[in-house]
Protein backbone atom coordinates (compact mmCIF):
# COMPACT_ATOMS: atom_id res chain seq x y z
CA MET A 1 -20.53 -37.90 12.78
CA GLU A 2 -18.00 -35.20 12.59
CA ARG A 3 -17.10 -36.11 8.99
CA SER A 4 -20.70 -35.85 7.84
CA THR A 5 -21.18 -32.55 9.64
CA SER A 6 -18.08 -31.06 8.00
CA LYS A 7 -19.52 -31.82 4.56
CA LYS A 8 -22.79 -30.08 5.31
CA ILE A 9 -20.96 -26.85 6.27
CA ILE A 10 -20.12 -26.07 2.60
CA PRO A 11 -22.70 -27.69 0.33
CA GLY A 12 -21.26 -28.96 -2.97
CA PHE A 13 -17.61 -28.46 -1.90
CA GLY A 14 -16.15 -30.16 -4.92
CA LEU A 15 -18.06 -27.91 -7.25
CA THR A 16 -17.48 -24.71 -5.38
CA PHE A 17 -13.79 -25.44 -4.83
CA GLY A 18 -13.38 -26.10 -8.59
CA ILE A 19 -15.04 -22.84 -9.51
CA THR A 20 -12.84 -21.03 -6.92
CA VAL A 21 -9.63 -22.51 -8.37
CA ALA A 22 -10.76 -21.75 -11.92
CA ILE A 23 -11.51 -18.12 -11.22
CA LEU A 24 -8.23 -17.65 -9.39
CA GLY A 25 -6.43 -19.28 -12.27
CA LEU A 26 -8.05 -17.08 -14.93
CA LEU A 27 -8.06 -13.80 -13.07
CA VAL A 28 -4.89 -14.02 -11.05
CA ILE A 29 -2.51 -16.83 -11.96
CA LEU A 30 -2.76 -16.67 -15.73
CA PRO A 31 -2.18 -12.98 -16.09
CA LEU A 32 0.85 -13.03 -13.73
CA SER A 33 2.23 -16.01 -15.46
CA TYR A 34 2.40 -14.04 -18.70
CA ILE A 35 4.68 -11.58 -16.94
CA VAL A 36 7.06 -14.48 -16.20
CA ILE A 37 6.78 -15.74 -19.74
CA TYR A 38 7.67 -12.41 -21.31
CA THR A 39 10.51 -11.97 -18.81
CA LEU A 40 11.92 -15.38 -19.80
CA LYS A 41 12.40 -14.08 -23.41
CA LEU A 42 15.36 -12.07 -21.98
CA SER A 43 18.65 -13.78 -21.23
CA PRO A 44 20.00 -13.34 -17.60
CA LYS A 45 22.48 -10.71 -18.96
CA GLU A 46 19.68 -8.79 -20.64
CA PHE A 47 17.41 -9.07 -17.72
CA PHE A 48 19.93 -7.70 -15.22
CA GLY A 49 21.05 -5.11 -17.90
CA VAL A 50 17.40 -3.72 -17.80
CA ILE A 51 17.02 -3.85 -14.01
CA PHE A 52 20.36 -2.34 -13.10
CA THR A 53 20.29 0.68 -15.33
CA ARG A 54 20.67 3.85 -13.36
CA ARG A 55 17.23 5.22 -14.39
CA VAL A 56 15.39 1.98 -13.36
CA LEU A 57 17.29 1.69 -10.04
CA THR A 58 16.44 5.24 -9.19
CA SER A 59 12.83 4.70 -10.01
CA PHE A 60 12.76 1.69 -7.73
CA TRP A 61 14.34 3.81 -4.91
CA ILE A 62 11.76 6.61 -5.54
CA SER A 63 8.83 4.19 -5.50
CA ILE A 64 9.93 2.16 -2.52
CA SER A 65 11.02 5.16 -0.38
CA THR A 66 7.92 7.19 -0.99
CA ALA A 67 5.67 4.17 -0.50
CA PHE A 68 7.43 3.45 2.87
CA ILE A 69 6.88 7.08 4.05
CA ALA A 70 3.28 7.03 2.99
CA MET A 71 2.85 3.68 4.86
CA LEU A 72 4.28 5.07 8.05
CA ILE A 73 1.94 8.13 7.84
CA ASN A 74 -1.09 5.93 7.11
CA THR A 75 -0.15 3.65 10.02
CA VAL A 76 -0.22 6.45 12.55
CA MET A 77 -3.11 8.40 11.07
CA GLY A 78 -5.08 5.19 10.35
CA ILE A 79 -4.92 4.10 14.04
CA LEU A 80 -5.97 7.53 15.16
CA ILE A 81 -8.87 7.80 12.66
CA ALA A 82 -10.12 4.29 13.49
CA PHE A 83 -9.92 4.98 17.21
CA VAL A 84 -11.95 8.22 16.84
CA LEU A 85 -14.55 6.51 14.69
CA VAL A 86 -15.00 3.57 17.08
CA ARG A 87 -14.78 5.21 20.54
CA TYR A 88 -16.39 8.64 20.07
CA ASP A 89 -19.80 9.82 18.89
CA PHE A 90 -19.95 13.19 17.22
CA PRO A 91 -22.08 14.97 14.53
CA GLY A 92 -21.12 13.77 11.02
CA LYS A 93 -19.64 10.50 12.22
CA LYS A 94 -21.34 8.39 9.57
CA LEU A 95 -20.48 10.89 6.83
CA MET A 96 -16.75 10.74 7.89
CA ASP A 97 -16.93 6.99 7.99
CA GLY A 98 -18.29 6.97 4.51
CA LEU A 99 -15.78 9.48 3.17
CA ILE A 100 -12.97 6.95 4.01
CA GLU A 101 -14.19 4.73 1.16
CA ILE A 102 -13.81 7.51 -1.48
CA PRO A 103 -10.18 6.61 -2.42
CA PHE A 104 -11.43 3.14 -3.14
CA ALA A 105 -14.27 4.33 -5.49
CA LEU A 106 -12.67 7.48 -6.95
CA PRO A 107 -10.72 7.03 -10.27
CA THR A 108 -7.04 7.52 -9.40
CA ALA A 109 -6.65 9.81 -12.36
CA VAL A 110 -9.29 12.13 -10.90
CA ALA A 111 -7.54 12.13 -7.58
CA GLY A 112 -4.19 12.91 -9.31
CA ILE A 113 -5.64 15.87 -11.14
CA SER A 114 -7.36 17.22 -8.04
CA LEU A 115 -4.19 16.88 -5.92
CA THR A 116 -2.14 18.56 -8.59
CA ALA A 117 -4.49 21.51 -8.84
CA LEU A 118 -4.61 21.80 -5.06
CA TYR A 119 -0.81 21.59 -4.41
CA ARG A 120 0.69 23.28 -7.47
CA GLU A 121 2.57 26.47 -6.96
CA ASN A 122 -0.51 28.76 -7.20
CA GLY A 123 -2.99 26.17 -5.83
CA ALA A 124 -4.99 26.66 -2.70
CA LEU A 125 -2.59 24.76 -0.54
CA GLY A 126 0.40 24.83 -2.81
CA ARG A 127 0.95 28.52 -2.49
CA PHE A 128 1.16 28.18 1.33
CA PHE A 129 3.98 25.63 1.08
CA HIS A 130 5.60 27.60 -1.77
CA HIS A 131 5.73 30.64 0.54
CA PHE A 132 8.11 28.70 2.81
CA GLY A 133 10.15 27.35 -0.13
CA ILE A 134 8.60 23.86 -0.04
CA PRO A 135 7.56 22.56 -3.46
CA VAL A 136 4.80 19.85 -3.31
CA ALA A 137 3.56 19.31 -6.82
CA TYR A 138 6.21 17.87 -9.19
CA SER A 139 8.26 16.60 -6.23
CA ARG A 140 8.66 13.54 -4.08
CA PHE A 141 6.65 15.32 -1.46
CA GLY A 142 3.74 15.37 -3.80
CA ILE A 143 4.13 11.67 -4.55
CA VAL A 144 3.93 10.86 -0.77
CA ILE A 145 0.77 12.96 -0.51
CA ALA A 146 -0.86 11.06 -3.40
CA LEU A 147 0.13 7.65 -2.07
CA THR A 148 -1.08 8.60 1.36
CA PHE A 149 -4.47 9.56 -0.08
CA VAL A 150 -5.13 6.34 -2.09
CA SER A 151 -3.88 3.95 0.58
CA ILE A 152 -5.07 5.21 4.04
CA PRO A 153 -8.42 3.32 3.96
CA TYR A 154 -6.47 0.01 4.17
CA VAL A 155 -5.14 0.66 7.70
CA ILE A 156 -8.41 2.20 8.93
CA ARG A 157 -10.58 -0.66 7.70
CA SER A 158 -8.15 -3.25 9.09
CA VAL A 159 -8.02 -1.69 12.56
CA GLN A 160 -11.58 -0.59 12.89
CA PRO A 161 -13.36 -3.96 13.30
CA VAL A 162 -10.69 -5.09 15.86
CA LEU A 163 -11.21 -1.96 17.99
CA GLN A 164 -14.99 -2.47 17.78
CA ASN A 165 -14.62 -6.04 19.26
CA LEU A 166 -12.14 -4.95 21.90
CA ASP A 167 -13.71 -5.12 25.40
CA PRO A 168 -13.54 -1.59 26.99
CA SER A 169 -13.49 -3.20 30.41
CA ILE A 170 -9.83 -4.22 29.90
CA GLU A 171 -8.85 -0.59 29.42
CA GLU A 172 -10.96 0.39 32.46
CA ALA A 173 -9.17 -2.24 34.58
CA ALA A 174 -5.79 -0.94 33.45
CA SER A 175 -6.81 2.67 34.21
CA SER A 176 -8.07 1.67 37.67
CA MET A 177 -4.60 0.16 38.39
CA GLY A 178 -3.00 3.57 37.76
CA ALA A 179 -1.88 3.09 34.09
CA SER A 180 -1.69 6.30 32.09
CA ARG A 181 -3.62 6.58 28.83
CA PHE A 182 -0.50 6.11 26.82
CA LYS A 183 0.62 3.11 28.84
CA THR A 184 -2.81 1.62 28.49
CA PHE A 185 -2.69 2.07 24.69
CA ARG A 186 0.85 0.63 24.55
CA LYS A 187 0.35 -2.32 26.89
CA VAL A 188 -3.32 -3.18 26.44
CA ILE A 189 -4.80 -1.81 23.11
CA PHE A 190 -1.89 -1.97 20.80
CA PRO A 191 -1.03 -5.68 21.32
CA GLU A 192 -4.60 -6.48 20.36
CA ILE A 193 -4.58 -4.45 17.18
CA GLU A 194 -1.02 -5.13 16.22
CA PRO A 195 -1.82 -7.89 13.65
CA ALA A 196 -4.43 -5.71 11.98
CA VAL A 197 -2.14 -2.75 11.91
CA PHE A 198 0.65 -4.71 10.39
CA SER A 199 -1.70 -6.25 7.79
CA GLY A 200 -3.24 -2.90 6.86
CA ALA A 201 0.17 -1.36 6.54
CA ALA A 202 1.41 -4.12 4.32
CA LEU A 203 -1.65 -3.77 2.10
CA ALA A 204 -1.15 0.01 1.95
CA PHE A 205 2.49 -0.41 1.05
CA GLY A 206 1.73 -2.90 -1.72
CA ARG A 207 -0.84 -0.41 -3.04
CA CYS A 208 1.50 2.38 -3.04
CA LEU A 209 4.21 0.46 -4.93
CA GLY A 210 1.86 -0.19 -7.87
CA GLU A 211 0.08 3.17 -7.82
CA TYR A 212 0.14 5.05 -11.14
CA GLY A 213 -2.97 7.21 -11.88
CA SER A 214 -2.90 9.46 -8.82
CA VAL A 215 0.93 9.91 -8.92
CA VAL A 216 1.56 10.50 -12.62
CA PHE A 217 0.09 13.97 -12.61
CA ILE A 218 1.45 15.32 -9.42
CA ALA A 219 4.91 13.75 -9.75
CA GLY A 220 5.96 15.61 -12.91
CA ASN A 221 7.73 12.43 -14.07
CA MET A 222 11.22 13.84 -14.17
CA PRO A 223 13.84 11.07 -14.68
CA TYR A 224 16.05 10.46 -11.73
CA LYS A 225 13.91 12.79 -9.60
CA THR A 226 10.24 11.97 -9.52
CA GLU A 227 9.87 9.10 -12.05
CA ILE A 228 8.28 6.06 -10.43
CA VAL A 229 8.48 2.41 -11.60
CA PRO A 230 4.91 2.10 -13.03
CA LEU A 231 5.67 5.10 -15.25
CA ILE A 232 8.79 3.42 -16.64
CA ILE A 233 6.75 0.25 -17.32
CA MET A 234 4.19 2.29 -19.19
CA SER A 235 7.02 3.91 -21.24
CA LYS A 236 8.45 0.53 -22.10
CA LEU A 237 5.01 -0.67 -23.22
CA GLN A 238 4.51 2.40 -25.42
CA GLU A 239 7.94 1.69 -27.01
CA PHE A 240 6.74 -1.96 -27.64
CA SER A 241 9.58 -3.27 -25.36
CA TYR A 242 7.24 -5.79 -23.83
CA SER A 243 10.05 -8.06 -22.46
CA GLU A 244 11.76 -5.10 -20.68
CA ALA A 245 8.45 -3.87 -19.23
CA SER A 246 7.76 -7.46 -18.01
CA ALA A 247 11.22 -7.72 -16.38
CA ILE A 248 10.62 -4.49 -14.42
CA ALA A 249 7.08 -5.62 -13.58
CA PHE A 250 8.37 -9.03 -12.50
CA VAL A 251 10.66 -7.44 -9.91
CA MET A 252 7.73 -5.35 -8.62
CA LEU A 253 5.69 -8.50 -8.42
CA ILE A 254 8.30 -10.27 -6.37
CA ILE A 255 8.59 -7.40 -3.98
CA SER A 256 4.83 -7.21 -3.50
CA PHE A 257 4.54 -10.93 -3.10
CA LEU A 258 7.29 -10.87 -0.41
CA ILE A 259 5.57 -8.04 1.47
CA LEU A 260 2.26 -9.82 1.53
CA MET A 261 3.82 -13.18 2.49
CA ILE A 262 5.80 -11.68 5.40
CA SER A 263 2.58 -9.88 6.44
CA ASN A 264 0.66 -13.16 6.55
CA ILE A 265 3.41 -14.91 8.40
CA VAL A 266 3.76 -12.33 11.07
CA ALA A 267 -0.04 -12.13 11.44
CA SER A 268 -0.33 -15.88 11.80
CA HIS A 269 2.60 -15.88 14.24
CA ASN A 270 0.85 -13.24 16.40
CA ILE A 271 -2.46 -15.09 16.46
CA LYS A 272 -0.70 -18.37 17.50
CA ILE A 273 1.03 -16.56 20.29
CA LYS A 274 -2.20 -15.03 21.60
CA GLY A 275 -3.99 -18.36 21.19
CA GLY A 276 -1.32 -20.07 23.29
CA VAL A 277 -1.41 -17.31 25.88
CA SER A 278 -5.16 -17.42 26.18
């Protein structure tokens, strides 16, 4: 009986599963496999010669460090914004909730141009920072701002549905027992949203690593200072050095894959622990 019921849950499982595998193969696996194919055209000595040049290593450090800082900012601010949207009612709430989706829909080049105009030396906000001797446009600070802009929706949209399903009576019980607001958040709320926070942060970090359009304008693209990895890949492609571009892209692919894999492992581990506790 259970076997026949399971077949009826997804009608035509064989056909739908085959379509799913075919689409994933054509849209994901096949394009990524060509990165590996082009990379294999290089000998190990040539591969490491490309990756371990000072310019490429510096660009990796710039991309990873700025992406990590943007991820930390997005994690804190994402939790705060999600909490406000879920727990409070105020005028313009729906508008604010809709504005969060703009970085998903807005072309990244448009975002980059807008941020550059805003934060350059004589821009509306840039002149304020410049007054205190803090350059934003054409600096790593500007890269962090651009990455924060394009990736903050990941954390908010990951945490928001979990907060919506969280029973407020648990917090009320903790408060009635004398727990402060901070302790209630740390001991009651955060353990529930932790897997979603970690997943959203990992997605934001992965997006930041590969971001190009919003960063290329505000970064200034100065070698050893504000040059990111995607820009070097584009430079190699323009020079028709496809194997070298693929080698650099392959390393970025491995880093992104490891981040997402660790995120899934940690999230699954937390779910199993909670399931065992419950």
